């Protein structure tokens, strides 16, 4: 898995993030970096909301 250090430096997770903050951050993270797998709890919540998890590859 490849780390996009520039993206991480400019997009830190907010302090004391809400569930909405976490979902938003992880969706953006999935589209811009492939350094780690999304937490299962976040993935399940995204699926429950019928959202699509983007990947850097799918956005090319």
C-alpha atoms as a PDB file:
ATOM      1  CA  UNK A   1       0.000   0.000   0.000  1.00  0.00           C
ATOM      2  CA  UNK A   2       1.276   3.427  -0.924  1.00  0.00           C
ATOM      3  CA  UNK A   3       1.148   6.453   1.379  1.00  0.00           C
ATOM      4  CA  UNK A   4       0.208   9.834  -0.092  1.00  0.00           C
ATOM      5  CA  UNK A   5       2.129  11.938   2.431  1.00  0.00           C
ATOM      6  CA  UNK A   6       1.147  15.261   0.848  1.00  0.00           C
ATOM      7  CA  UNK A   7      -2.561  14.411   1.153  1.00  0.00           C
ATOM      8  CA  UNK A   8      -2.152  13.317   4.778  1.00  0.00           C
ATOM      9  CA  UNK A   9      -0.339  16.544   5.701  1.00  0.00           C
ATOM     10  CA  UNK A  10      -3.097  18.710   4.234  1.00  0.00           C
ATOM     11  CA  UNK A  11      -6.058  16.588   5.407  1.00  0.00           C
ATOM     12  CA  UNK A  12      -5.664  15.629   9.073  1.00  0.00           C
ATOM     13  CA  UNK A  13      -8.526  13.894  10.850  1.00  0.00           C
ATOM     14  CA  UNK A  14     -10.285  16.545  12.949  1.00  0.00           C
ATOM     15  CA  UNK A  15      -9.821  16.370  16.707  1.00  0.00           C
ATOM     16  CA  UNK A  16     -12.655  14.470  18.416  1.00  0.00           C
ATOM     17  CA  UNK A  17     -14.298  13.611  15.077  1.00  0.00           C
ATOM     18  CA  UNK A  18     -17.998  12.869  14.840  1.00  0.00           C
ATOM     19  CA  UNK A  19     -19.196   9.879  12.839  1.00  0.00           C
ATOM     20  CA  UNK A  20     -19.962  12.282   9.971  1.00  0.00           C
ATOM     21  CA  UNK A  21     -16.402  13.668  10.160  1.00  0.00           C
ATOM     22  CA  UNK A  22     -14.966  10.155  10.095  1.00  0.00           C
ATOM     23  CA  UNK A  23     -17.097   9.072   7.135  1.00  0.00           C
ATOM     24  CA  UNK A  24     -16.196  12.204   5.162  1.00  0.00           C
ATOM     25  CA  UNK A  25     -12.486  11.828   5.953  1.00  0.00           C
ATOM     26  CA  UNK A  26     -12.357   8.122   5.099  1.00  0.00           C
ATOM     27  CA  UNK A  27     -14.201   8.621   1.792  1.00  0.00           C
ATOM     28  CA  UNK A  28     -11.713  11.324   0.814  1.00  0.00           C
ATOM     29  CA  UNK A  29      -8.842   9.179   2.069  1.00  0.00           C
ATOM     30  CA  UNK A  30      -9.941   6.183  -0.014  1.00  0.00           C
ATOM     31  CA  UNK A  31      -9.977   8.388  -3.113  1.00  0.00           C
ATOM     32  CA  UNK A  32      -6.528   9.870  -2.485  1.00  0.00           C
ATOM     33  CA  UNK A  33      -4.387   7.384  -0.600  1.00  0.00           C
ATOM     34  CA  UNK A  34      -4.043   3.638  -0.329  1.00  0.00           C
ATOM     35  CA  UNK A  35      -1.915   3.424   2.797  1.00  0.00           C
ATOM     36  CA  UNK A  36      -4.385   1.323   4.781  1.00  0.00           C
ATOM     37  CA  UNK A  37      -7.726  -0.423   4.717  1.00  0.00           C
ATOM     38  CA  UNK A  38     -10.788   1.504   5.856  1.00  0.00           C
ATOM     39  CA  UNK A  39     -12.009   0.474   9.319  1.00  0.00           C
ATOM     40  CA  UNK A  40     -14.815  -2.074   9.119  1.00  0.00           C
ATOM     41  CA  UNK A  41     -17.156   0.071  11.240  1.00  0.00           C
ATOM     42  CA  UNK A  42     -16.821   2.980   8.799  1.00  0.00           C
ATOM     43  CA  UNK A  43     -17.203   0.722   5.752  1.00  0.00           C
ATOM     44  CA  UNK A  44     -20.415  -0.762   7.194  1.00  0.00           C
ATOM     45  CA  UNK A  45     -21.838   2.690   7.910  1.00  0.00           C
ATOM     46  CA  UNK A  46     -21.005   3.854   4.381  1.00  0.00           C
ATOM     47  CA  UNK A  47     -22.690   0.768   2.918  1.00  0.00           C
ATOM     48  CA  UNK A  48     -25.748   1.299   5.154  1.00  0.00           C
ATOM     49  CA  UNK A  49     -26.058   4.788   3.659  1.00  0.00           C
ATOM     50  CA  UNK A  50     -25.769   3.398   0.110  1.00  0.00           C
ATOM     51  CA  UNK A  51     -22.640   5.444  -0.532  1.00  0.00           C
ATOM     52  CA  UNK A  52     -19.915   4.270  -2.888  1.00  0.00           C
ATOM     53  CA  UNK A  53     -16.358   4.030  -1.613  1.00  0.00           C
ATOM     54  CA  UNK A  54     -14.128   5.607  -4.262  1.00  0.00           C
ATOM     55  CA  UNK A  55     -10.589   4.473  -4.891  1.00  0.00           C
ATOM     56  CA  UNK A  56      -7.771   6.374  -6.539  1.00  0.00           C
ATOM     57  CA  UNK A  57      -7.908   3.811  -9.323  1.00  0.00           C
ATOM     58  CA  UNK A  58     -11.675   4.198  -9.877  1.00  0.00           C
ATOM     59  CA  UNK A  59     -11.300   7.980 -10.230  1.00  0.00           C
ATOM     60  CA  UNK A  60      -8.680   7.840 -12.993  1.00  0.00           C
END
